[in-house]
């Protein structure tokens, strides 16, 4: 049975040691899709929630977006860091 997008994406999360585990371009692209989905959720939520409710519900989502963006940047810059070190 084929893996769902969620199952694939879950493999791009932290391993509990503070190190991003995006290993492939496919995982990076899935993380980007997730960020896009979360941003869409936030845009729609702004339309229907009060400022106070939106602020409460948006905080963990914004942290998730920030975390995934950081993982993507680390993945894309990995080769640069290795080149500088050698």
N, C-alpha and C. Protein backbone atom coordinates (compact mmCIF):
# COMPACT_ATOMS: atom_id res chain seq x y z
N UNK A 1 0.84 -1.18 0.00
CA UNK A 1 0.00 0.00 0.00
C UNK A 1 0.89 1.25 0.00
N UNK A 2 0.56 2.21 -0.81
CA UNK A 2 1.37 3.42 -0.93
C UNK A 2 1.27 4.25 0.35
N UNK A 3 2.37 4.92 0.68
CA UNK A 3 2.38 5.78 1.85
C UNK A 3 1.55 7.02 1.57
N UNK A 4 0.85 7.49 2.58
CA UNK A 4 0.11 8.73 2.44
C UNK A 4 1.10 9.89 2.53
N UNK A 5 0.66 11.07 2.09
CA UNK A 5 1.49 12.26 2.19
C UNK A 5 1.85 12.51 3.64
N UNK A 6 0.89 12.29 4.55
CA UNK A 6 1.16 12.51 5.97
C UNK A 6 2.25 11.58 6.47
N UNK A 7 2.20 10.32 6.08
CA UNK A 7 3.22 9.37 6.52
C UNK A 7 4.60 9.77 6.00
N UNK A 8 4.66 10.19 4.74
CA UNK A 8 5.93 10.63 4.17
C UNK A 8 6.43 11.88 4.89
N UNK A 9 5.51 12.81 5.13
CA UNK A 9 5.88 14.08 5.76
C UNK A 9 6.32 13.87 7.19
N UNK A 10 5.72 12.92 7.87
CA UNK A 10 6.10 12.70 9.26
C UNK A 10 7.56 12.28 9.38
N UNK A 11 8.12 11.73 8.33
CA UNK A 11 9.52 11.32 8.35
C UNK A 11 10.47 12.51 8.23
N UNK A 12 9.92 13.71 7.96
CA UNK A 12 10.76 14.89 7.86
C UNK A 12 10.82 15.65 9.18
N UNK A 13 10.25 15.11 10.23
CA UNK A 13 10.20 15.80 11.51
C UNK A 13 11.46 15.55 12.33
N UNK A 14 11.53 16.22 13.44
CA UNK A 14 12.67 16.08 14.33
C UNK A 14 12.70 14.69 14.97
N UNK A 15 13.88 14.23 15.25
CA UNK A 15 14.07 12.91 15.87
C UNK A 15 14.16 13.02 17.38
N UNK A 16 13.85 14.17 17.94
CA UNK A 16 13.93 14.33 19.39
C UNK A 16 15.29 14.81 19.86
N UNK A 17 16.21 15.04 18.93
CA UNK A 17 17.54 15.50 19.32
C UNK A 17 17.84 16.87 18.73
N UNK A 18 16.81 17.52 18.18
CA UNK A 18 16.98 18.86 17.65
C UNK A 18 17.62 18.93 16.28
N UNK A 19 17.64 17.82 15.56
CA UNK A 19 18.25 17.78 14.24
C UNK A 19 17.18 17.48 13.21
N UNK A 20 17.08 18.32 12.18
CA UNK A 20 16.11 18.07 11.12
C UNK A 20 16.50 16.82 10.36
N UNK A 21 15.49 16.10 9.90
CA UNK A 21 15.78 14.83 9.24
C UNK A 21 15.30 14.82 7.79
N UNK A 22 15.17 15.99 7.16
CA UNK A 22 14.88 15.99 5.73
C UNK A 22 16.10 15.44 5.03
N UNK A 23 15.92 14.33 4.32
CA UNK A 23 17.03 13.65 3.69
C UNK A 23 16.98 13.70 2.17
N UNK A 24 15.81 13.94 1.60
CA UNK A 24 15.66 13.86 0.15
C UNK A 24 14.93 15.09 -0.38
N UNK A 25 15.07 15.29 -1.68
CA UNK A 25 14.34 16.39 -2.32
C UNK A 25 12.83 16.18 -2.17
N UNK A 26 12.38 14.93 -2.26
CA UNK A 26 10.95 14.65 -2.12
C UNK A 26 10.44 15.08 -0.74
N UNK A 27 11.19 14.77 0.30
CA UNK A 27 10.79 15.18 1.64
C UNK A 27 10.78 16.69 1.77
N UNK A 28 11.74 17.35 1.14
CA UNK A 28 11.78 18.81 1.17
C UNK A 28 10.56 19.39 0.48
N UNK A 29 10.19 18.82 -0.67
CA UNK A 29 9.01 19.30 -1.39
C UNK A 29 7.74 19.05 -0.60
N UNK A 30 7.66 17.94 0.09
CA UNK A 30 6.50 17.66 0.95
C UNK A 30 6.42 18.67 2.08
N UNK A 31 7.55 19.02 2.65
CA UNK A 31 7.57 20.03 3.71
C UNK A 31 7.09 21.37 3.18
N UNK A 32 7.49 21.72 1.96
CA UNK A 32 7.01 22.96 1.34
C UNK A 32 5.49 22.92 1.13
N UNK A 33 4.97 21.78 0.71
CA UNK A 33 3.53 21.65 0.54
C UNK A 33 2.81 21.83 1.87
N UNK A 34 3.37 21.26 2.90
CA UNK A 34 2.78 21.39 4.23
C UNK A 34 2.73 22.86 4.64
N UNK A 35 3.81 23.59 4.41
CA UNK A 35 3.85 25.01 4.74
C UNK A 35 2.76 25.76 3.98
N UNK A 36 2.62 25.45 2.71
CA UNK A 36 1.57 26.09 1.91
C UNK A 36 0.18 25.80 2.46
N UNK A 37 -0.05 24.55 2.86
CA UNK A 37 -1.34 24.18 3.44
C UNK A 37 -1.60 24.92 4.74
N UNK A 38 -0.57 25.02 5.58
CA UNK A 38 -0.73 25.72 6.85
C UNK A 38 -1.00 27.20 6.63
N UNK A 39 -0.34 27.79 5.66
CA UNK A 39 -0.59 29.21 5.35
C UNK A 39 -2.01 29.42 4.86
N UNK A 40 -2.51 28.50 4.05
CA UNK A 40 -3.89 28.58 3.57
C UNK A 40 -4.87 28.50 4.73
N UNK A 41 -4.60 27.60 5.67
CA UNK A 41 -5.44 27.48 6.86
C UNK A 41 -5.46 28.80 7.62
N UNK A 42 -4.28 29.40 7.79
CA UNK A 42 -4.21 30.67 8.52
C UNK A 42 -4.97 31.78 7.80
N UNK A 43 -4.83 31.85 6.49
CA UNK A 43 -5.54 32.88 5.73
C UNK A 43 -7.05 32.73 5.88
N UNK A 44 -7.53 31.49 5.80
CA UNK A 44 -8.96 31.25 5.94
C UNK A 44 -9.43 31.53 7.37
N UNK A 45 -8.62 31.17 8.35
CA UNK A 45 -8.99 31.38 9.75
C UNK A 45 -9.12 32.86 10.08
N UNK A 46 -8.29 33.69 9.45
CA UNK A 46 -8.37 35.14 9.69
C UNK A 46 -9.71 35.70 9.27
N UNK A 47 -10.35 35.05 8.31
CA UNK A 47 -11.64 35.53 7.80
C UNK A 47 -12.80 35.23 8.74
N UNK A 48 -12.67 34.19 9.55
CA UNK A 48 -13.82 33.74 10.32
C UNK A 48 -13.65 33.86 11.84
N UNK A 49 -12.45 34.10 12.32
CA UNK A 49 -12.22 34.17 13.76
C UNK A 49 -11.97 35.60 14.21
N UNK A 50 -12.32 35.88 15.45
CA UNK A 50 -11.99 37.18 16.03
C UNK A 50 -10.47 37.27 16.15
N UNK A 51 -9.97 38.47 16.35
CA UNK A 51 -8.51 38.65 16.51
C UNK A 51 -7.98 37.80 17.66
N UNK A 52 -8.69 37.80 18.75
CA UNK A 52 -8.24 37.06 19.93
C UNK A 52 -8.23 35.56 19.66
N UNK A 53 -9.30 35.04 19.08
CA UNK A 53 -9.36 33.61 18.77
C UNK A 53 -8.30 33.24 17.74
N UNK A 54 -8.13 34.09 16.74
CA UNK A 54 -7.13 33.82 15.71
C UNK A 54 -5.72 33.77 16.32
N UNK A 55 -5.43 34.72 17.20
CA UNK A 55 -4.11 34.76 17.82
C UNK A 55 -3.83 33.47 18.59
N UNK A 56 -4.83 32.98 19.31
CA UNK A 56 -4.66 31.74 20.08
C UNK A 56 -4.46 30.54 19.17
N UNK A 57 -5.25 30.44 18.13
CA UNK A 57 -5.15 29.25 17.28
C UNK A 57 -3.97 29.32 16.32
N UNK A 58 -3.54 30.52 15.97
CA UNK A 58 -2.48 30.68 14.98
C UNK A 58 -1.09 30.44 15.56
N UNK A 59 -0.90 30.70 16.83
CA UNK A 59 0.44 30.61 17.41
C UNK A 59 1.13 29.27 17.16
N UNK A 60 0.51 28.14 17.49
CA UNK A 60 1.21 26.87 17.24
C UNK A 60 1.41 26.58 15.75
N UNK A 61 0.49 27.04 14.93
CA UNK A 61 0.62 26.83 13.49
C UNK A 61 1.78 27.65 12.94
N UNK A 62 1.90 28.88 13.39
CA UNK A 62 3.02 29.72 12.96
C UNK A 62 4.36 29.14 13.40
N UNK A 63 4.40 28.56 14.59
CA UNK A 63 5.62 27.91 15.05
C UNK A 63 5.96 26.71 14.17
N UNK A 64 4.94 25.96 13.77
CA UNK A 64 5.15 24.82 12.88
C UNK A 64 5.69 25.28 11.53
N UNK A 65 5.13 26.36 10.99
CA UNK A 65 5.61 26.91 9.72
C UNK A 65 7.07 27.33 9.86
N UNK A 66 7.38 28.03 10.93
CA UNK A 66 8.75 28.48 11.16
C UNK A 66 9.71 27.30 11.27
N UNK A 67 9.31 26.27 11.97
CA UNK A 67 10.15 25.08 12.15
C UNK A 67 10.40 24.38 10.82
N UNK A 68 9.37 24.21 10.04
CA UNK A 68 9.52 23.54 8.74
C UNK A 68 10.35 24.37 7.77
N UNK A 69 10.16 25.70 7.79
CA UNK A 69 10.98 26.55 6.94
C UNK A 69 12.46 26.43 7.32
N UNK A 70 12.74 26.35 8.61
CA UNK A 70 14.12 26.19 9.06
C UNK A 70 14.70 24.86 8.58
N UNK A 71 13.90 23.80 8.66
CA UNK A 71 14.35 22.50 8.18
C UNK A 71 14.69 22.55 6.69
N UNK A 72 13.85 23.24 5.92
CA UNK A 72 14.08 23.35 4.48
C UNK A 72 15.38 24.12 4.21
N UNK A 73 15.57 25.24 4.91
CA UNK A 73 16.81 26.00 4.74
C UNK A 73 18.04 25.19 5.10
N UNK A 74 17.94 24.40 6.17
CA UNK A 74 19.07 23.56 6.56
C UNK A 74 19.35 22.51 5.49
N UNK A 75 18.30 21.92 4.93
CA UNK A 75 18.48 20.92 3.89
C UNK A 75 19.12 21.54 2.65
N UNK A 76 18.61 22.70 2.24
CA UNK A 76 19.13 23.34 1.03
C UNK A 76 20.55 23.87 1.20
N UNK A 77 20.93 24.19 2.42
CA UNK A 77 22.27 24.74 2.64
C UNK A 77 23.27 23.68 3.10
N UNK A 78 22.84 22.44 3.24
CA UNK A 78 23.72 21.38 3.74
C UNK A 78 24.99 21.25 2.90
N UNK A 79 24.88 21.23 1.58
CA UNK A 79 26.05 21.09 0.72
C UNK A 79 26.97 22.31 0.82
N UNK A 80 26.39 23.48 1.04
CA UNK A 80 27.21 24.68 1.18
C UNK A 80 28.10 24.58 2.42
N UNK A 81 27.51 24.11 3.51
CA UNK A 81 28.26 23.97 4.75
C UNK A 81 29.38 22.97 4.60
N UNK A 82 29.13 21.87 3.89
CA UNK A 82 30.16 20.84 3.69
C UNK A 82 31.27 21.36 2.80
N UNK A 83 30.92 22.17 1.79
CA UNK A 83 31.94 22.72 0.88
C UNK A 83 32.86 23.68 1.62
N UNK A 84 32.31 24.50 2.48
CA UNK A 84 33.10 25.47 3.24
C UNK A 84 34.03 24.74 4.21
N UNK A 85 33.55 23.65 4.80
CA UNK A 85 34.35 22.90 5.78
C UNK A 85 35.52 22.17 5.14
N UNK A 86 35.42 21.83 3.84
CA UNK A 86 36.52 21.06 3.24
C UNK A 86 37.57 21.92 2.62
